[in-house]
């Protein structure tokens, strides 16, 4: 028997594993989440002997506010190239090899800004700690108390 916050005893049926994601989040949500996570892992290249395979990619076009792009450019100038903003502005105007290298570095930084939080979302979905799953667990817990 488990104790609730209000000290009223809650009966847990013998056939319910209180640690089972299916029991915590429900069969439908946990199955859906696992399916999406499994697909994402496959598209990300899955783990193979010696590391991970090649991730499948898809080109997307994003509209980013120019002010935020400016910040990404500045951070890349300082952190990646160890240069001043004046240097970056000139490099961005360059249509040759240096300009392409600078724009590529900025694009890679923007890609990282998107990938890192999404990888974190995937981790929390796969491990049951995501806010979507936690909200459902809380909802299920409340409905079981009533």
Protein backbone atom coordinates (compact mmCIF):
# COMPACT_ATOMS: atom_id res chain seq x y z
CA UNK A 1 0.00 0.00 0.00
CA UNK A 2 1.41 3.45 -0.94
CA UNK A 3 0.80 6.67 0.93
CA UNK A 4 -0.54 9.80 -0.80
CA UNK A 5 0.48 13.38 -0.01
CA UNK A 6 -2.66 13.79 2.08
CA UNK A 7 -1.83 10.63 4.10
CA UNK A 8 -4.92 8.80 2.79
CA UNK A 9 -3.89 5.25 1.84
CA UNK A 10 -4.07 4.38 -1.85
CA UNK A 11 -4.65 0.77 -2.75
CA UNK A 12 -2.37 -0.43 -5.55
CA UNK A 13 -3.74 -3.57 -7.20
CA UNK A 14 -1.37 -6.56 -7.11
CA UNK A 15 -1.26 -6.77 -10.93
CA UNK A 16 -0.02 -3.16 -11.33
CA UNK A 17 3.70 -2.52 -11.42
CA UNK A 18 4.00 1.02 -10.04
CA UNK A 19 7.20 1.46 -12.04
CA UNK A 20 5.80 0.24 -15.37
CA UNK A 21 5.56 3.04 -17.97
CA UNK A 22 2.39 1.42 -19.33
CA UNK A 23 0.78 1.70 -15.90
CA UNK A 24 2.10 5.21 -15.32
CA UNK A 25 1.34 6.76 -18.73
CA UNK A 26 -1.25 4.39 -20.20
CA UNK A 27 -0.88 1.83 -22.96
CA UNK A 28 -1.93 4.15 -25.79
CA UNK A 29 0.36 7.09 -24.94
CA UNK A 30 3.36 4.94 -24.03
CA UNK A 31 2.99 2.82 -27.19
CA UNK A 32 2.67 5.95 -29.33
CA UNK A 33 5.68 7.56 -27.64
CA UNK A 34 7.83 4.42 -28.01
CA UNK A 35 6.86 4.15 -31.68
CA UNK A 36 7.89 7.75 -32.39
CA UNK A 37 11.13 7.39 -30.40
CA UNK A 38 12.02 4.13 -32.17
CA UNK A 39 11.42 5.76 -35.56
CA UNK A 40 13.49 8.79 -34.52
CA UNK A 41 16.37 6.57 -33.39
CA UNK A 42 16.33 4.72 -36.72
CA UNK A 43 16.30 8.01 -38.66
CA UNK A 44 19.16 9.27 -36.49
CA UNK A 45 21.25 6.29 -37.52
CA UNK A 46 20.74 3.99 -34.52
CA UNK A 47 23.74 2.71 -32.65
CA UNK A 48 25.89 0.29 -34.61
CA UNK A 49 29.19 -1.37 -33.80
CA UNK A 50 31.71 1.43 -33.46
CA UNK A 51 29.24 4.31 -33.10
CA UNK A 52 26.15 5.34 -35.03
CA UNK A 53 25.09 4.97 -38.61
CA UNK A 54 24.35 7.81 -40.97
CA UNK A 55 21.34 9.92 -40.03
CA UNK A 56 18.71 10.56 -42.65
CA UNK A 57 18.29 14.25 -43.34
CA UNK A 58 15.69 16.51 -44.87
CA UNK A 59 16.26 20.07 -46.00
CA UNK A 60 13.96 22.63 -44.41
CA UNK A 61 13.74 26.36 -44.78
CA UNK A 62 13.29 28.40 -41.62
CA UNK A 63 12.55 32.08 -41.26
CA UNK A 64 14.76 33.35 -38.46
CA UNK A 65 14.47 36.90 -37.17
CA UNK A 66 17.45 38.89 -38.44
CA UNK A 67 18.28 40.04 -34.93
CA UNK A 68 18.74 36.45 -33.80
CA UNK A 69 20.76 35.60 -36.90
CA UNK A 70 22.99 38.57 -36.09
CA UNK A 71 23.59 37.15 -32.61
CA UNK A 72 24.49 33.73 -34.05
CA UNK A 73 26.90 35.41 -36.47
CA UNK A 74 28.53 37.38 -33.65
CA UNK A 75 28.91 34.31 -31.44
CA UNK A 76 30.46 32.34 -34.32
CA UNK A 77 32.86 35.22 -35.04
CA UNK A 78 34.04 35.29 -31.44
CA UNK A 79 33.91 31.61 -30.47
CA UNK A 80 34.63 29.76 -33.70
CA UNK A 81 36.92 32.15 -35.55
CA UNK A 82 38.22 34.16 -32.57
CA UNK A 83 37.61 37.33 -34.57
CA UNK A 84 35.93 40.70 -34.13
CA UNK A 85 32.51 41.70 -35.39
CA UNK A 86 34.11 43.94 -38.03
CA UNK A 87 35.95 40.90 -39.39
CA UNK A 88 32.70 38.90 -39.49
CA UNK A 89 30.80 41.63 -41.34
CA UNK A 90 33.49 41.73 -44.00
CA UNK A 91 33.64 37.93 -44.23
CA UNK A 92 29.86 37.72 -44.68
CA UNK A 93 30.08 40.11 -47.64
CA UNK A 94 32.75 37.96 -49.28
CA UNK A 95 31.36 35.87 -52.15
CA UNK A 96 34.41 33.60 -52.28
CA UNK A 97 35.83 30.79 -50.20
CA UNK A 98 36.09 32.76 -46.94
CA UNK A 99 32.49 33.96 -47.17
CA UNK A 100 31.22 30.44 -47.84
CA UNK A 101 33.21 29.09 -44.87
CA UNK A 102 31.83 31.78 -42.55
CA UNK A 103 28.23 31.26 -43.67
CA UNK A 104 28.64 27.49 -43.32
CA UNK A 105 29.92 27.92 -39.75
CA UNK A 106 26.93 30.13 -38.90
CA UNK A 107 24.53 27.58 -40.45
CA UNK A 108 26.16 24.77 -38.47
CA UNK A 109 25.71 26.80 -35.27
CA UNK A 110 22.04 27.41 -36.09
CA UNK A 111 21.59 23.71 -36.81
CA UNK A 112 23.14 22.88 -33.44
CA UNK A 113 20.78 25.32 -31.72
CA UNK A 114 17.89 23.32 -33.16
CA UNK A 115 19.33 19.81 -32.81
CA UNK A 116 20.47 20.01 -29.18
CA UNK A 117 17.04 20.81 -27.69
CA UNK A 118 15.33 18.26 -29.96
CA UNK A 119 17.79 15.56 -28.93
CA UNK A 120 17.00 16.45 -25.33
CA UNK A 121 13.27 16.16 -26.08
CA UNK A 122 13.90 12.71 -27.60
CA UNK A 123 15.84 11.63 -24.52
CA UNK A 124 13.07 12.68 -22.14
CA UNK A 125 10.37 11.07 -24.31
CA UNK A 126 12.31 7.81 -24.51
CA UNK A 127 13.00 7.69 -20.78
CA UNK A 128 9.58 8.82 -19.53
CA UNK A 129 10.63 12.16 -18.11
CA UNK A 130 9.10 14.40 -20.79
CA UNK A 131 6.50 16.98 -19.72
CA UNK A 132 3.90 15.37 -22.02
CA UNK A 133 4.28 12.05 -20.25
CA UNK A 134 4.52 13.60 -16.81
CA UNK A 135 1.31 15.57 -17.37
CA UNK A 136 -0.48 12.36 -18.37
CA UNK A 137 0.91 10.53 -15.33
CA UNK A 138 -0.39 13.32 -13.08
CA UNK A 139 -3.78 13.28 -14.81
CA UNK A 140 -4.02 9.49 -14.44
CA UNK A 141 -2.98 9.66 -10.80
CA UNK A 142 -5.65 12.29 -10.04
CA UNK A 143 -8.36 10.32 -11.85
CA UNK A 144 -7.44 7.17 -9.92
CA UNK A 145 -7.85 9.06 -6.63
CA UNK A 146 -11.41 10.12 -7.48
